[in-house]
Amino acid sequence: MFEGLSRDDKLLLMKFVCAFAWTDLRVRDPEKSFVRRLAQRMGLSGEDTEQVEQWLSVSPAPGSIDPKRIPHEHRRAFLEAVRAVIYVDGEVELEERLRFEQLKAVLDSE
């Protein structure tokens, strides 16, 4: 699913995933584990993995996760990864669901 993602696209995906993990203002252990497995699966470098760890400690700035930056050909991968991090802790809060639906709507409208 992540074939063809450039380094920048991988980091953008990880930024989105981490931002969604922060939706309920805390990142739980299952979410952290998911994010770390995803980073490993994508083969991120040590430096990029450190950046992801920072996003797990402090949420990415809201303005830095513009859905319009997601390449059209990779939108499905982004949606699947975001959906997975939302569900991985077994609790889907209303705010998480609403933010996911907003992301989906923006990506579907273009």
N, C-alpha and C. Protein backbone atom coordinates (compact mmCIF):
# COMPACT_ATOMS: atom_id res chain seq x y z
N MET A 1 0.82 -1.19 0.00
CA MET A 1 0.00 0.00 0.00
C MET A 1 0.87 1.26 0.00
N PHE A 2 2.12 1.16 0.47
CA PHE A 2 2.96 2.35 0.57
C PHE A 2 4.01 2.41 -0.53
N GLU A 3 3.92 1.50 -1.48
CA GLU A 3 4.84 1.53 -2.60
C GLU A 3 4.64 2.83 -3.36
N GLY A 4 5.70 3.40 -3.81
CA GLY A 4 5.61 4.61 -4.61
C GLY A 4 5.56 5.89 -3.79
N LEU A 5 5.50 5.78 -2.47
CA LEU A 5 5.53 6.99 -1.66
C LEU A 5 6.97 7.50 -1.58
N SER A 6 7.14 8.76 -1.86
CA SER A 6 8.47 9.37 -1.70
C SER A 6 8.75 9.56 -0.21
N ARG A 7 9.96 9.91 0.11
CA ARG A 7 10.31 10.18 1.51
C ARG A 7 9.41 11.27 2.08
N ASP A 8 9.21 12.34 1.33
CA ASP A 8 8.36 13.44 1.80
C ASP A 8 6.92 12.98 2.01
N ASP A 9 6.43 12.14 1.10
CA ASP A 9 5.06 11.63 1.24
C ASP A 9 4.93 10.71 2.45
N LYS A 10 5.95 9.92 2.72
CA LYS A 10 5.93 9.05 3.89
C LYS A 10 5.88 9.89 5.17
N LEU A 11 6.69 10.94 5.21
CA LEU A 11 6.68 11.81 6.39
C LEU A 11 5.35 12.54 6.52
N LEU A 12 4.78 12.94 5.42
CA LEU A 12 3.47 13.59 5.46
C LEU A 12 2.42 12.62 5.99
N LEU A 13 2.46 11.39 5.53
CA LEU A 13 1.53 10.37 6.02
C LEU A 13 1.70 10.18 7.52
N MET A 14 2.93 10.08 7.97
CA MET A 14 3.18 9.88 9.39
C MET A 14 2.72 11.09 10.21
N LYS A 15 2.86 12.28 9.65
CA LYS A 15 2.39 13.48 10.33
C LYS A 15 0.88 13.44 10.49
N PHE A 16 0.17 13.03 9.44
CA PHE A 16 -1.29 12.91 9.51
C PHE A 16 -1.69 11.87 10.56
N VAL A 17 -1.03 10.72 10.52
CA VAL A 17 -1.36 9.65 11.46
C VAL A 17 -1.13 10.12 12.89
N CYS A 18 0.00 10.76 13.14
CA CYS A 18 0.27 11.25 14.50
C CYS A 18 -0.72 12.33 14.91
N ALA A 19 -1.06 13.21 14.01
CA ALA A 19 -2.04 14.26 14.34
C ALA A 19 -3.39 13.64 14.71
N PHE A 20 -3.80 12.62 13.99
CA PHE A 20 -5.07 11.97 14.32
C PHE A 20 -4.97 11.20 15.62
N ALA A 21 -3.80 10.66 15.93
CA ALA A 21 -3.62 9.98 17.21
C ALA A 21 -3.81 10.97 18.37
N TRP A 22 -3.52 12.23 18.14
CA TRP A 22 -3.64 13.27 19.16
C TRP A 22 -5.05 13.85 19.26
N THR A 23 -5.98 13.44 18.43
CA THR A 23 -7.31 14.04 18.40
C THR A 23 -7.96 14.10 19.78
N ASP A 24 -7.81 13.04 20.56
CA ASP A 24 -8.42 13.02 21.89
C ASP A 24 -7.47 13.56 22.97
N LEU A 25 -6.42 14.26 22.52
CA LEU A 25 -5.45 14.94 23.39
C LEU A 25 -4.52 14.02 24.17
N ARG A 26 -4.47 12.77 23.79
CA ARG A 26 -3.52 11.83 24.39
C ARG A 26 -3.24 10.72 23.37
N VAL A 27 -2.01 10.25 23.40
CA VAL A 27 -1.63 9.15 22.50
C VAL A 27 -1.40 7.94 23.39
N ARG A 28 -2.24 6.95 23.21
CA ARG A 28 -2.17 5.74 24.04
C ARG A 28 -1.14 4.77 23.49
N ASP A 29 -0.77 3.82 24.33
CA ASP A 29 0.25 2.83 23.93
C ASP A 29 -0.09 2.08 22.65
N PRO A 30 -1.35 1.63 22.45
CA PRO A 30 -1.64 0.94 21.18
C PRO A 30 -1.43 1.84 19.96
N GLU A 31 -1.72 3.13 20.12
CA GLU A 31 -1.52 4.07 19.02
C GLU A 31 -0.02 4.26 18.76
N LYS A 32 0.76 4.39 19.83
CA LYS A 32 2.21 4.53 19.67
C LYS A 32 2.79 3.30 18.98
N SER A 33 2.36 2.13 19.42
CA SER A 33 2.86 0.89 18.82
C SER A 33 2.51 0.82 17.34
N PHE A 34 1.28 1.19 17.01
CA PHE A 34 0.85 1.19 15.61
C PHE A 34 1.72 2.13 14.78
N VAL A 35 1.92 3.35 15.28
CA VAL A 35 2.71 4.34 14.55
C VAL A 35 4.14 3.85 14.35
N ARG A 36 4.72 3.26 15.37
CA ARG A 36 6.09 2.76 15.26
C ARG A 36 6.20 1.60 14.27
N ARG A 37 5.21 0.71 14.29
CA ARG A 37 5.21 -0.40 13.31
C ARG A 37 5.05 0.14 11.89
N LEU A 38 4.20 1.13 11.74
CA LEU A 38 4.00 1.73 10.42
C LEU A 38 5.28 2.38 9.92
N ALA A 39 5.97 3.10 10.78
CA ALA A 39 7.24 3.74 10.40
C ALA A 39 8.26 2.68 9.99
N GLN A 40 8.30 1.60 10.73
CA GLN A 40 9.23 0.51 10.40
C GLN A 40 8.85 -0.14 9.08
N ARG A 41 7.57 -0.38 8.89
CA ARG A 41 7.09 -1.01 7.65
C ARG A 41 7.42 -0.15 6.42
N MET A 42 7.41 1.16 6.61
CA MET A 42 7.72 2.06 5.48
C MET A 42 9.21 2.24 5.30
N GLY A 43 10.01 1.70 6.22
CA GLY A 43 11.46 1.79 6.09
C GLY A 43 12.00 3.19 6.31
N LEU A 44 11.44 3.91 7.26
CA LEU A 44 11.92 5.26 7.52
C LEU A 44 13.34 5.22 8.08
N SER A 45 14.10 6.23 7.75
CA SER A 45 15.47 6.35 8.25
C SER A 45 15.44 6.68 9.74
N GLY A 46 16.60 6.60 10.38
CA GLY A 46 16.69 6.93 11.79
C GLY A 46 16.27 8.36 12.07
N GLU A 47 16.70 9.27 11.22
CA GLU A 47 16.34 10.68 11.38
C GLU A 47 14.83 10.89 11.25
N ASP A 48 14.24 10.22 10.26
CA ASP A 48 12.79 10.35 10.06
C ASP A 48 12.02 9.70 11.21
N THR A 49 12.53 8.60 11.72
CA THR A 49 11.91 7.94 12.86
C THR A 49 11.95 8.85 14.09
N GLU A 50 13.04 9.58 14.26
CA GLU A 50 13.13 10.53 15.36
C GLU A 50 12.06 11.61 15.22
N GLN A 51 11.84 12.06 14.00
CA GLN A 51 10.80 13.07 13.76
C GLN A 51 9.44 12.52 14.16
N VAL A 52 9.16 11.28 13.79
CA VAL A 52 7.90 10.65 14.15
C VAL A 52 7.76 10.56 15.66
N GLU A 53 8.83 10.21 16.34
CA GLU A 53 8.80 10.14 17.81
C GLU A 53 8.47 11.51 18.41
N GLN A 54 8.97 12.57 17.80
CA GLN A 54 8.64 13.92 18.27
C GLN A 54 7.15 14.19 18.10
N TRP A 55 6.60 13.75 16.97
CA TRP A 55 5.16 13.94 16.75
C TRP A 55 4.33 13.11 17.72
N LEU A 56 4.88 12.01 18.20
CA LEU A 56 4.17 11.22 19.22
C LEU A 56 4.23 11.90 20.58
N SER A 57 5.24 12.74 20.79
CA SER A 57 5.40 13.46 22.05
C SER A 57 4.64 14.78 22.06
N VAL A 58 4.66 15.47 20.91
CA VAL A 58 3.98 16.75 20.76
C VAL A 58 3.25 16.74 19.42
N SER A 59 1.99 17.00 19.46
CA SER A 59 1.18 16.95 18.24
C SER A 59 1.72 17.88 17.16
N PRO A 60 1.68 17.42 15.91
CA PRO A 60 2.04 18.32 14.80
C PRO A 60 1.10 19.53 14.79
N ALA A 61 1.61 20.66 14.39
CA ALA A 61 0.79 21.87 14.30
C ALA A 61 -0.37 21.63 13.34
N PRO A 62 -1.57 22.05 13.73
CA PRO A 62 -2.75 21.82 12.87
C PRO A 62 -2.58 22.31 11.43
N GLY A 63 -1.94 23.44 11.25
CA GLY A 63 -1.76 23.97 9.90
C GLY A 63 -0.78 23.20 9.05
N SER A 64 -0.05 22.29 9.66
CA SER A 64 0.96 21.53 8.91
C SER A 64 0.40 20.26 8.29
N ILE A 65 -0.88 19.98 8.50
CA ILE A 65 -1.47 18.77 7.94
C ILE A 65 -2.59 19.11 6.95
N ASP A 66 -2.22 19.81 5.93
CA ASP A 66 -3.16 20.24 4.89
C ASP A 66 -3.49 19.06 3.97
N PRO A 67 -4.75 18.62 3.96
CA PRO A 67 -5.14 17.49 3.10
C PRO A 67 -4.87 17.72 1.62
N LYS A 68 -4.80 18.96 1.20
CA LYS A 68 -4.56 19.26 -0.21
C LYS A 68 -3.15 18.88 -0.63
N ARG A 69 -2.26 18.65 0.34
CA ARG A 69 -0.89 18.24 0.03
C ARG A 69 -0.78 16.73 -0.22
N ILE A 70 -1.83 16.00 0.07
CA ILE A 70 -1.80 14.55 -0.14
C ILE A 70 -1.90 14.25 -1.63
N PRO A 71 -0.92 13.57 -2.18
CA PRO A 71 -0.97 13.24 -3.61
C PRO A 71 -2.22 12.40 -3.92
N HIS A 72 -2.87 12.75 -5.00
CA HIS A 72 -4.12 12.07 -5.37
C HIS A 72 -3.97 10.56 -5.42
N GLU A 73 -2.84 10.09 -5.96
CA GLU A 73 -2.64 8.65 -6.11
C GLU A 73 -2.40 7.93 -4.78
N HIS A 74 -2.18 8.68 -3.71
CA HIS A 74 -1.92 8.06 -2.41
C HIS A 74 -3.01 8.32 -1.38
N ARG A 75 -4.11 8.90 -1.79
CA ARG A 75 -5.17 9.25 -0.85
C ARG A 75 -5.73 8.03 -0.12
N ARG A 76 -5.89 6.95 -0.84
CA ARG A 76 -6.42 5.74 -0.20
C ARG A 76 -5.50 5.27 0.92
N ALA A 77 -4.20 5.26 0.67
CA ALA A 77 -3.23 4.83 1.69
C ALA A 77 -3.30 5.73 2.92
N PHE A 78 -3.42 7.03 2.70
CA PHE A 78 -3.52 7.97 3.82
C PHE A 78 -4.80 7.70 4.62
N LEU A 79 -5.92 7.55 3.95
CA LEU A 79 -7.18 7.29 4.64
C LEU A 79 -7.14 5.99 5.43
N GLU A 80 -6.57 4.95 4.84
CA GLU A 80 -6.48 3.66 5.52
C GLU A 80 -5.60 3.75 6.77
N ALA A 81 -4.47 4.45 6.66
CA ALA A 81 -3.57 4.58 7.81
C ALA A 81 -4.21 5.42 8.92
N VAL A 82 -4.88 6.49 8.55
CA VAL A 82 -5.56 7.32 9.55
C VAL A 82 -6.69 6.54 10.21
N ARG A 83 -7.46 5.83 9.42
CA ARG A 83 -8.55 5.02 9.98
C ARG A 83 -8.00 3.99 10.96
N ALA A 84 -6.89 3.37 10.61
CA ALA A 84 -6.30 2.34 11.47
C ALA A 84 -5.87 2.92 12.82
N VAL A 85 -5.24 4.08 12.81
CA VAL A 85 -4.79 4.66 14.09
C VAL A 85 -5.98 5.09 14.95
N ILE A 86 -7.07 5.46 14.32
CA ILE A 86 -8.27 5.84 15.07
C ILE A 86 -8.86 4.63 15.80
N TYR A 87 -8.84 3.49 15.14
CA TYR A 87 -9.49 2.29 15.70
C TYR A 87 -8.56 1.43 16.57
N VAL A 88 -7.25 1.63 16.49
CA VAL A 88 -6.31 0.71 17.12
C VAL A 88 -6.44 0.64 18.64
N ASP A 89 -6.88 1.71 19.28
CA ASP A 89 -6.99 1.67 20.74
C ASP A 89 -8.34 1.14 21.22
N GLY A 90 -9.21 0.79 20.28
CA GLY A 90 -10.50 0.21 20.65
C GLY A 90 -11.56 1.22 21.05
N GLU A 91 -11.22 2.49 21.04
CA GLU A 91 -12.17 3.54 21.40
C GLU A 91 -12.17 4.61 20.32
N VAL A 92 -13.30 4.78 19.66
CA VAL A 92 -13.42 5.81 18.64
C VAL A 92 -14.34 6.89 19.19
N GLU A 93 -13.74 8.02 19.50
CA GLU A 93 -14.50 9.13 20.05
C GLU A 93 -15.15 9.92 18.93
N LEU A 94 -16.18 10.66 19.28
CA LEU A 94 -16.93 11.43 18.29
C LEU A 94 -16.02 12.38 17.52
N GLU A 95 -15.13 13.07 18.23
CA GLU A 95 -14.22 14.01 17.57
C GLU A 95 -13.33 13.31 16.54
N GLU A 96 -12.87 12.11 16.86
CA GLU A 96 -12.05 11.35 15.91
C GLU A 96 -12.86 11.01 14.67
N ARG A 97 -14.08 10.55 14.88
CA ARG A 97 -14.95 10.19 13.77
C ARG A 97 -15.23 11.41 12.88
N LEU A 98 -15.53 12.54 13.52
CA LEU A 98 -15.84 13.75 12.76
C LEU A 98 -14.63 14.23 11.95
N ARG A 99 -13.46 14.23 12.57
CA ARG A 99 -12.25 14.67 11.86
C ARG A 99 -11.93 13.74 10.69
N PHE A 100 -12.15 12.44 10.88
CA PHE A 100 -11.90 11.50 9.79
C PHE A 100 -12.88 11.76 8.64
N GLU A 101 -14.14 11.97 8.97
CA GLU A 101 -15.14 12.24 7.93
C GLU A 101 -14.84 13.54 7.20
N GLN A 102 -14.32 14.54 7.91
CA GLN A 102 -13.93 15.79 7.26
C GLN A 102 -12.77 15.55 6.30
N LEU A 103 -11.78 14.79 6.74
CA LEU A 103 -10.65 14.48 5.87
C LEU A 103 -11.13 13.74 4.63
N LYS A 104 -11.96 12.76 4.83
CA LYS A 104 -12.49 11.97 3.71
C LYS A 104 -13.26 12.87 2.73
N ALA A 105 -14.07 13.76 3.26
CA ALA A 105 -14.87 14.66 2.42
C ALA A 105 -13.97 15.56 1.59
N VAL A 106 -12.92 16.09 2.20
CA VAL A 106 -12.00 16.96 1.46
C VAL A 106 -11.32 16.18 0.35
N LEU A 107 -10.87 14.99 0.65
CA LEU A 107 -10.17 14.18 -0.34
C LEU A 107 -11.11 13.70 -1.45
N ASP A 108 -12.35 13.43 -1.12
CA ASP A 108 -13.33 13.00 -2.13
C ASP A 108 -13.80 14.14 -3.02
N SER A 109 -13.68 15.38 -2.54
CA SER A 109 -14.20 16.53 -3.30
C SER A 109 -13.25 17.00 -4.38
N GLU A 110 -12.02 16.55 -4.34
CA GLU A 110 -11.05 17.04 -5.32
C GLU A 110 -10.82 16.03 -6.41
